[in-house]
Amino acid sequence: MNLTNKESIAHYFCNNEVEFVIHLVAVASIPKCESNKKLAWDTNVQGTRNILEASQMHKVKKFLYLQSACIFSGEDVEMYNEDSLPDPKHYYGLTKLIAEEIVKTSNTPDFQTVVVRTNFTTMPWEYPKAFTDRFGTYLFAQ
């Protein structure tokens, strides 16, 4: 399915029984988003809007959106939490933040949306026993 193409999404939903959507799609390369802002916007923002609308139209009950720590600046704060204010420093982070807001404002009693902010770092993690749960970020933009 191509999230930038509403017909592709509609075809998928019409031909499959969808109860729960886990949305992981994004142009996640910071340099690629900077060099091709139209692609980044069309995929990260409009694609999210497209899959949300299709989910609502087809009576999906739950929608999970995987978010990025790159909505934060990575400056002046060692650890972020759920009350930290986003401050993206590049176009990728901006598109992900806008998409998150679209997802959050789509939440209704009949269409439950959840945003999971996560981040991926190089593995193996140097301190595997340091945390059992944590709020924070690594912003390895390279």
N, C-alpha and C. Protein backbone atom coordinates (compact mmCIF):
# COMPACT_ATOMS: atom_id res chain seq x y z
N MET A 1 0.85 -1.17 0.00
CA MET A 1 0.00 0.00 0.00
C MET A 1 0.90 1.23 0.00
N ASN A 2 0.51 2.23 -0.74
CA ASN A 2 1.25 3.48 -0.84
C ASN A 2 0.46 4.55 -0.09
N LEU A 3 0.99 5.04 1.01
CA LEU A 3 0.26 6.01 1.83
C LEU A 3 0.07 7.36 1.16
N THR A 4 0.83 7.62 0.11
CA THR A 4 0.65 8.89 -0.60
C THR A 4 -0.44 8.78 -1.66
N ASN A 5 -1.01 7.59 -1.80
CA ASN A 5 -2.03 7.34 -2.82
C ASN A 5 -3.30 6.83 -2.15
N LYS A 6 -4.33 7.68 -2.09
CA LYS A 6 -5.57 7.31 -1.41
C LYS A 6 -6.23 6.08 -2.02
N GLU A 7 -6.12 5.92 -3.34
CA GLU A 7 -6.72 4.75 -3.99
C GLU A 7 -6.03 3.47 -3.55
N SER A 8 -4.73 3.52 -3.38
CA SER A 8 -3.98 2.36 -2.91
C SER A 8 -4.43 1.97 -1.50
N ILE A 9 -4.62 2.94 -0.66
CA ILE A 9 -5.08 2.68 0.71
C ILE A 9 -6.49 2.12 0.69
N ALA A 10 -7.37 2.73 -0.08
CA ALA A 10 -8.76 2.27 -0.17
C ALA A 10 -8.81 0.83 -0.66
N HIS A 11 -8.00 0.52 -1.67
CA HIS A 11 -7.95 -0.84 -2.20
C HIS A 11 -7.56 -1.83 -1.10
N TYR A 12 -6.55 -1.47 -0.32
CA TYR A 12 -6.12 -2.36 0.75
C TYR A 12 -7.23 -2.58 1.78
N PHE A 13 -7.84 -1.49 2.23
CA PHE A 13 -8.89 -1.59 3.23
C PHE A 13 -10.10 -2.37 2.72
N CYS A 14 -10.44 -2.19 1.45
CA CYS A 14 -11.59 -2.90 0.88
C CYS A 14 -11.33 -4.40 0.72
N ASN A 15 -10.07 -4.78 0.60
CA ASN A 15 -9.73 -6.18 0.36
C ASN A 15 -9.15 -6.90 1.57
N ASN A 16 -9.15 -6.25 2.72
CA ASN A 16 -8.61 -6.85 3.94
C ASN A 16 -9.47 -6.44 5.12
N GLU A 17 -9.52 -7.31 6.09
CA GLU A 17 -10.25 -7.01 7.31
C GLU A 17 -9.28 -6.33 8.28
N VAL A 18 -9.46 -5.06 8.50
CA VAL A 18 -8.53 -4.28 9.33
C VAL A 18 -9.24 -3.88 10.62
N GLU A 19 -8.66 -4.32 11.73
CA GLU A 19 -9.24 -3.99 13.03
C GLU A 19 -8.40 -2.98 13.78
N PHE A 20 -7.09 -2.97 13.52
CA PHE A 20 -6.14 -2.16 14.28
C PHE A 20 -5.04 -1.73 13.33
N VAL A 21 -4.69 -0.46 13.35
CA VAL A 21 -3.62 0.04 12.48
C VAL A 21 -2.43 0.44 13.33
N ILE A 22 -1.27 -0.05 12.95
CA ILE A 22 0.00 0.37 13.54
C ILE A 22 0.76 1.09 12.43
N HIS A 23 0.85 2.40 12.55
CA HIS A 23 1.43 3.23 11.50
C HIS A 23 2.91 3.50 11.79
N LEU A 24 3.77 2.90 10.97
CA LEU A 24 5.22 3.03 11.14
C LEU A 24 5.89 3.73 9.96
N VAL A 25 5.13 4.04 8.94
CA VAL A 25 5.71 4.53 7.68
C VAL A 25 6.18 5.98 7.84
N ALA A 26 7.38 6.24 7.34
CA ALA A 26 7.90 7.61 7.30
C ALA A 26 9.13 7.65 6.41
N VAL A 27 9.39 8.81 5.86
CA VAL A 27 10.70 9.07 5.29
C VAL A 27 11.50 9.53 6.51
N ALA A 28 12.37 8.66 7.01
CA ALA A 28 13.02 8.90 8.29
C ALA A 28 14.45 9.42 8.18
N SER A 29 14.94 9.54 6.99
CA SER A 29 16.30 10.06 6.80
C SER A 29 16.28 11.58 6.90
N ILE A 30 16.99 12.11 7.87
CA ILE A 30 17.04 13.57 8.03
C ILE A 30 17.59 14.24 6.78
N PRO A 31 18.72 13.79 6.23
CA PRO A 31 19.22 14.42 5.01
C PRO A 31 18.23 14.32 3.84
N LYS A 32 17.56 13.17 3.70
CA LYS A 32 16.61 13.01 2.60
C LYS A 32 15.42 13.96 2.76
N CYS A 33 14.96 14.13 3.99
CA CYS A 33 13.85 15.06 4.23
C CYS A 33 14.26 16.49 3.93
N GLU A 34 15.49 16.84 4.26
CA GLU A 34 15.98 18.20 3.97
C GLU A 34 16.10 18.43 2.47
N SER A 35 16.54 17.41 1.74
CA SER A 35 16.77 17.59 0.31
C SER A 35 15.51 17.39 -0.53
N ASN A 36 14.50 16.70 0.02
CA ASN A 36 13.27 16.45 -0.72
C ASN A 36 12.08 16.68 0.21
N LYS A 37 11.82 17.95 0.48
CA LYS A 37 10.77 18.32 1.43
C LYS A 37 9.38 17.92 0.95
N LYS A 38 9.15 17.91 -0.35
CA LYS A 38 7.85 17.47 -0.87
C LYS A 38 7.61 16.00 -0.53
N LEU A 39 8.61 15.15 -0.76
CA LEU A 39 8.48 13.73 -0.43
C LEU A 39 8.25 13.55 1.07
N ALA A 40 9.00 14.28 1.88
CA ALA A 40 8.85 14.18 3.33
C ALA A 40 7.45 14.60 3.76
N TRP A 41 6.95 15.70 3.23
CA TRP A 41 5.60 16.17 3.58
C TRP A 41 4.54 15.18 3.09
N ASP A 42 4.66 14.77 1.83
CA ASP A 42 3.67 13.86 1.26
C ASP A 42 3.59 12.54 2.02
N THR A 43 4.72 12.04 2.48
CA THR A 43 4.74 10.75 3.19
C THR A 43 4.43 10.93 4.67
N ASN A 44 5.18 11.79 5.33
CA ASN A 44 5.09 11.88 6.78
C ASN A 44 3.83 12.58 7.27
N VAL A 45 3.38 13.59 6.57
CA VAL A 45 2.20 14.35 7.00
C VAL A 45 0.95 13.89 6.23
N GLN A 46 0.97 14.06 4.92
CA GLN A 46 -0.22 13.71 4.14
C GLN A 46 -0.49 12.21 4.17
N GLY A 47 0.57 11.39 4.15
CA GLY A 47 0.38 9.94 4.23
C GLY A 47 -0.28 9.55 5.54
N THR A 48 0.13 10.19 6.63
CA THR A 48 -0.51 9.93 7.93
C THR A 48 -1.97 10.34 7.89
N ARG A 49 -2.25 11.49 7.33
CA ARG A 49 -3.64 11.95 7.21
C ARG A 49 -4.45 10.96 6.36
N ASN A 50 -3.86 10.48 5.27
CA ASN A 50 -4.56 9.54 4.39
C ASN A 50 -4.92 8.23 5.10
N ILE A 51 -3.96 7.67 5.84
CA ILE A 51 -4.24 6.39 6.52
C ILE A 51 -5.20 6.59 7.68
N LEU A 52 -5.15 7.74 8.32
CA LEU A 52 -6.13 8.04 9.38
C LEU A 52 -7.54 8.11 8.81
N GLU A 53 -7.70 8.84 7.72
CA GLU A 53 -9.03 8.99 7.11
C GLU A 53 -9.57 7.64 6.66
N ALA A 54 -8.73 6.83 6.04
CA ALA A 54 -9.18 5.50 5.60
C ALA A 54 -9.55 4.64 6.80
N SER A 55 -8.78 4.73 7.86
CA SER A 55 -9.07 3.96 9.07
C SER A 55 -10.42 4.35 9.65
N GLN A 56 -10.69 5.62 9.70
CA GLN A 56 -11.98 6.10 10.22
C GLN A 56 -13.12 5.67 9.31
N MET A 57 -12.92 5.80 8.03
CA MET A 57 -13.96 5.44 7.06
C MET A 57 -14.32 3.96 7.15
N HIS A 58 -13.32 3.13 7.43
CA HIS A 58 -13.54 1.68 7.48
C HIS A 58 -13.77 1.18 8.90
N LYS A 59 -14.09 2.11 9.80
CA LYS A 59 -14.52 1.78 11.17
C LYS A 59 -13.46 1.04 11.99
N VAL A 60 -12.19 1.34 11.72
CA VAL A 60 -11.12 0.82 12.57
C VAL A 60 -11.29 1.46 13.94
N LYS A 61 -11.08 0.70 14.97
CA LYS A 61 -11.30 1.20 16.34
C LYS A 61 -10.06 1.79 16.98
N LYS A 62 -8.86 1.26 16.61
CA LYS A 62 -7.63 1.70 17.26
C LYS A 62 -6.54 1.98 16.24
N PHE A 63 -5.79 3.03 16.51
CA PHE A 63 -4.74 3.49 15.60
C PHE A 63 -3.52 3.86 16.44
N LEU A 64 -2.41 3.18 16.21
CA LEU A 64 -1.18 3.46 16.93
C LEU A 64 -0.19 4.11 15.97
N TYR A 65 0.38 5.22 16.39
CA TYR A 65 1.33 5.96 15.57
C TYR A 65 2.69 5.94 16.25
N LEU A 66 3.70 5.39 15.57
CA LEU A 66 5.05 5.35 16.10
C LEU A 66 5.73 6.67 15.80
N GLN A 67 6.16 7.34 16.84
CA GLN A 67 6.73 8.67 16.73
C GLN A 67 8.24 8.61 16.92
N SER A 68 8.88 9.71 16.68
CA SER A 68 10.33 9.83 16.76
C SER A 68 10.74 10.81 17.85
N ALA A 69 11.87 10.53 18.49
CA ALA A 69 12.42 11.48 19.46
C ALA A 69 12.94 12.74 18.76
N CYS A 70 13.03 12.70 17.44
CA CYS A 70 13.54 13.84 16.69
C CYS A 70 12.58 15.03 16.66
N ILE A 71 11.45 14.92 17.34
CA ILE A 71 10.59 16.10 17.48
C ILE A 71 11.16 17.03 18.55
N PHE A 72 12.16 16.54 19.29
CA PHE A 72 12.85 17.36 20.28
C PHE A 72 14.18 17.84 19.72
N SER A 73 14.69 18.92 20.28
CA SER A 73 15.92 19.51 19.75
C SER A 73 17.16 18.71 20.11
N GLY A 74 17.14 18.00 21.23
CA GLY A 74 18.33 17.31 21.69
C GLY A 74 19.33 18.24 22.36
N GLU A 75 18.91 19.47 22.61
CA GLU A 75 19.79 20.47 23.23
C GLU A 75 19.32 20.79 24.65
N ASP A 76 20.26 20.98 25.54
CA ASP A 76 19.99 21.50 26.89
C ASP A 76 19.17 20.60 27.78
N VAL A 77 18.80 19.41 27.34
CA VAL A 77 18.03 18.50 28.18
C VAL A 77 18.63 17.11 28.02
N GLU A 78 18.92 16.49 29.14
CA GLU A 78 19.44 15.12 29.05
C GLU A 78 18.33 14.11 28.87
N MET A 79 17.21 14.34 29.53
CA MET A 79 16.10 13.39 29.46
C MET A 79 14.81 14.16 29.17
N TYR A 80 14.04 13.64 28.25
CA TYR A 80 12.73 14.21 27.96
C TYR A 80 11.67 13.35 28.61
N ASN A 81 10.52 13.94 28.85
CA ASN A 81 9.39 13.17 29.35
C ASN A 81 8.15 13.57 28.57
N GLU A 82 7.03 13.04 28.96
CA GLU A 82 5.80 13.26 28.19
C GLU A 82 5.30 14.70 28.26
N ASP A 83 5.82 15.49 29.18
CA ASP A 83 5.43 16.89 29.29
C ASP A 83 6.41 17.83 28.61
N SER A 84 7.50 17.31 28.07
CA SER A 84 8.49 18.15 27.40
C SER A 84 7.90 18.74 26.12
N LEU A 85 8.26 19.97 25.85
CA LEU A 85 7.75 20.63 24.65
C LEU A 85 8.61 20.30 23.43
N PRO A 86 8.00 19.84 22.37
CA PRO A 86 8.76 19.56 21.14
C PRO A 86 9.39 20.83 20.58
N ASP A 87 10.52 20.67 19.94
CA ASP A 87 11.24 21.77 19.31
C ASP A 87 12.14 21.19 18.22
N PRO A 88 11.53 20.70 17.13
CA PRO A 88 12.35 20.05 16.10
C PRO A 88 13.33 21.01 15.46
N LYS A 89 14.51 20.49 15.14
CA LYS A 89 15.57 21.30 14.54
C LYS A 89 15.77 21.03 13.06
N HIS A 90 14.95 20.18 12.47
CA HIS A 90 15.09 19.86 11.05
C HIS A 90 13.71 19.50 10.51
N TYR A 91 13.65 19.36 9.19
CA TYR A 91 12.36 19.14 8.52
C TYR A 91 11.75 17.79 8.87
N TYR A 92 12.57 16.76 9.03
CA TYR A 92 12.04 15.46 9.43
C TYR A 92 11.28 15.59 10.74
N GLY A 93 11.91 16.17 11.76
CA GLY A 93 11.26 16.34 13.05
C GLY A 93 10.00 17.17 12.96
N LEU A 94 10.01 18.20 12.12
CA LEU A 94 8.82 19.03 11.94
C LEU A 94 7.67 18.23 11.34
N THR A 95 7.95 17.44 10.30
CA THR A 95 6.87 16.66 9.68
C THR A 95 6.33 15.62 10.64
N LYS A 96 7.19 15.02 11.44
CA LYS A 96 6.73 14.03 12.41
C LYS A 96 5.89 14.68 13.51
N LEU A 97 6.26 15.88 13.92
CA LEU A 97 5.49 16.59 14.94
C LEU A 97 4.10 16.96 14.40
N ILE A 98 4.04 17.45 13.19
CA ILE A 98 2.74 17.80 12.59
C ILE A 98 1.87 16.56 12.47
N ALA A 99 2.46 15.46 12.02
CA ALA A 99 1.70 14.21 11.90
C ALA A 99 1.19 13.76 13.27
N GLU A 100 2.02 13.90 14.30
CA GLU A 100 1.58 13.52 15.65
C GLU A 100 0.36 14.33 16.07
N GLU A 101 0.38 15.61 15.79
CA GLU A 101 -0.76 16.46 16.16
C GLU A 101 -2.03 16.05 15.39
N ILE A 102 -1.87 15.67 14.14
CA ILE A 102 -3.02 15.20 13.35
C ILE A 102 -3.58 13.93 13.98
N VAL A 103 -2.69 13.02 14.37
CA VAL A 103 -3.14 11.78 15.00
C VAL A 103 -3.85 12.08 16.31
N LYS A 104 -3.26 12.91 17.16
CA LYS A 104 -3.86 13.21 18.46
C LYS A 104 -5.22 13.88 18.33
N THR A 105 -5.38 14.76 17.36
CA THR A 105 -6.66 15.46 17.20
C THR A 105 -7.71 14.58 16.53
N SER A 106 -7.31 13.42 16.05
CA SER A 106 -8.27 12.48 15.45
C SER A 106 -8.87 11.53 16.47
N ASN A 107 -8.39 11.58 17.69
CA ASN A 107 -8.85 10.68 18.75
C ASN A 107 -10.30 10.98 19.13
N THR A 108 -11.12 9.94 19.12
CA THR A 108 -12.52 10.04 19.56
C THR A 108 -12.85 8.79 20.36
N PRO A 109 -14.00 8.77 21.03
CA PRO A 109 -14.38 7.55 21.74
C PRO A 109 -14.50 6.33 20.81
N ASP A 110 -14.90 6.56 19.57
CA ASP A 110 -15.06 5.45 18.61
C ASP A 110 -13.79 5.15 17.81
N PHE A 111 -12.83 6.04 17.85
CA PHE A 111 -11.58 5.87 17.09
C PHE A 111 -10.43 6.30 18.01
N GLN A 112 -9.89 5.33 18.70
CA GLN A 112 -8.87 5.60 19.70
C GLN A 112 -7.49 5.66 19.06
N THR A 113 -6.81 6.79 19.24
CA THR A 113 -5.45 6.93 18.71
C THR A 113 -4.45 6.94 19.86
N VAL A 114 -3.30 6.37 19.61
CA VAL A 114 -2.22 6.31 20.58
C VAL A 114 -0.94 6.72 19.87
N VAL A 115 -0.16 7.59 20.50
CA VAL A 115 1.14 7.99 19.96
C VAL A 115 2.20 7.40 20.87
N VAL A 116 3.14 6.68 20.27
CA VAL A 116 4.26 6.10 21.02
C VAL A 116 5.52 6.80 20.53
N ARG A 117 6.12 7.56 21.42
CA ARG A 117 7.38 8.22 21.09
C ARG A 117 8.52 7.28 21.47
N THR A 118 9.32 6.96 20.49
CA THR A 118 10.43 6.04 20.73
C THR A 118 11.64 6.51 19.95
N ASN A 119 12.72 5.84 20.15
CA ASN A 119 13.92 6.17 19.41
C ASN A 119 14.78 4.91 19.28
N PHE A 120 15.53 4.85 18.27
CA PHE A 120 16.42 3.73 18.03
C PHE A 120 17.85 4.21 18.09
N THR A 121 18.69 3.45 18.71
CA THR A 121 20.10 3.79 18.81
C THR A 121 20.92 2.62 18.29
N THR A 122 22.19 2.82 18.16
CA THR A 122 23.04 1.73 17.69
C THR A 122 23.02 0.60 18.70
N MET A 123 23.13 -0.60 18.21
CA MET A 123 23.10 -1.77 19.09
C MET A 123 24.38 -2.56 18.89
N PRO A 124 24.85 -3.28 19.87
CA PRO A 124 24.18 -3.47 21.15
C PRO A 124 24.31 -2.23 22.03
N TRP A 125 23.28 -2.02 22.83
CA TRP A 125 23.24 -0.90 23.76
C TRP A 125 24.34 -1.10 24.78
N GLU A 126 25.12 -0.07 25.01
CA GLU A 126 26.31 -0.16 25.85
C GLU A 126 25.98 -0.50 27.31
N TYR A 127 24.77 -0.13 27.75
CA TYR A 127 24.40 -0.34 29.15
C TYR A 127 23.09 -1.13 29.22
N PRO A 128 23.09 -2.42 28.87
CA PRO A 128 21.84 -3.17 28.74
C PRO A 128 21.03 -3.28 30.02
N LYS A 129 21.65 -3.16 31.18
CA LYS A 129 20.91 -3.31 32.43
C LYS A 129 20.67 -1.96 33.11
N ALA A 130 20.93 -0.88 32.43
CA ALA A 130 20.82 0.44 33.05
C ALA A 130 19.37 0.84 33.31
N PHE A 131 18.46 0.43 32.47
CA PHE A 131 17.08 0.88 32.59
C PHE A 131 16.13 -0.28 32.34
N THR A 132 15.03 -0.30 33.06
CA THR A 132 13.95 -1.21 32.71
C THR A 132 12.85 -0.42 32.00
N ASP A 133 12.82 0.87 32.24
CA ASP A 133 11.90 1.77 31.56
C ASP A 133 12.59 3.13 31.58
N ARG A 134 12.45 3.90 30.53
CA ARG A 134 13.11 5.19 30.53
C ARG A 134 12.41 6.15 29.61
N PHE A 135 12.53 7.41 29.91
CA PHE A 135 12.09 8.48 29.03
C PHE A 135 13.35 9.24 28.68
N GLY A 136 13.61 9.41 27.42
CA GLY A 136 14.81 10.12 27.03
C GLY A 136 15.00 10.06 25.54
N THR A 137 16.14 10.51 25.11
CA THR A 137 16.37 10.53 23.67
C THR A 137 17.86 10.48 23.37
N TYR A 138 18.17 9.94 22.25
CA TYR A 138 19.48 10.06 21.62
C TYR A 138 19.18 10.61 20.25
N LEU A 139 19.86 11.62 19.85
CA LEU A 139 19.60 12.20 18.55
C LEU A 139 20.84 12.00 17.67
N PHE A 140 20.98 10.78 17.17
CA PHE A 140 22.08 10.46 16.28
C PHE A 140 21.66 10.78 14.85
N ALA A 141 21.80 12.03 14.46
CA ALA A 141 21.31 12.46 13.16
C ALA A 141 22.15 11.93 12.01
N GLN A 142 23.39 11.54 12.27
CA GLN A 142 24.24 11.09 11.18
C GLN A 142 23.69 9.83 10.55
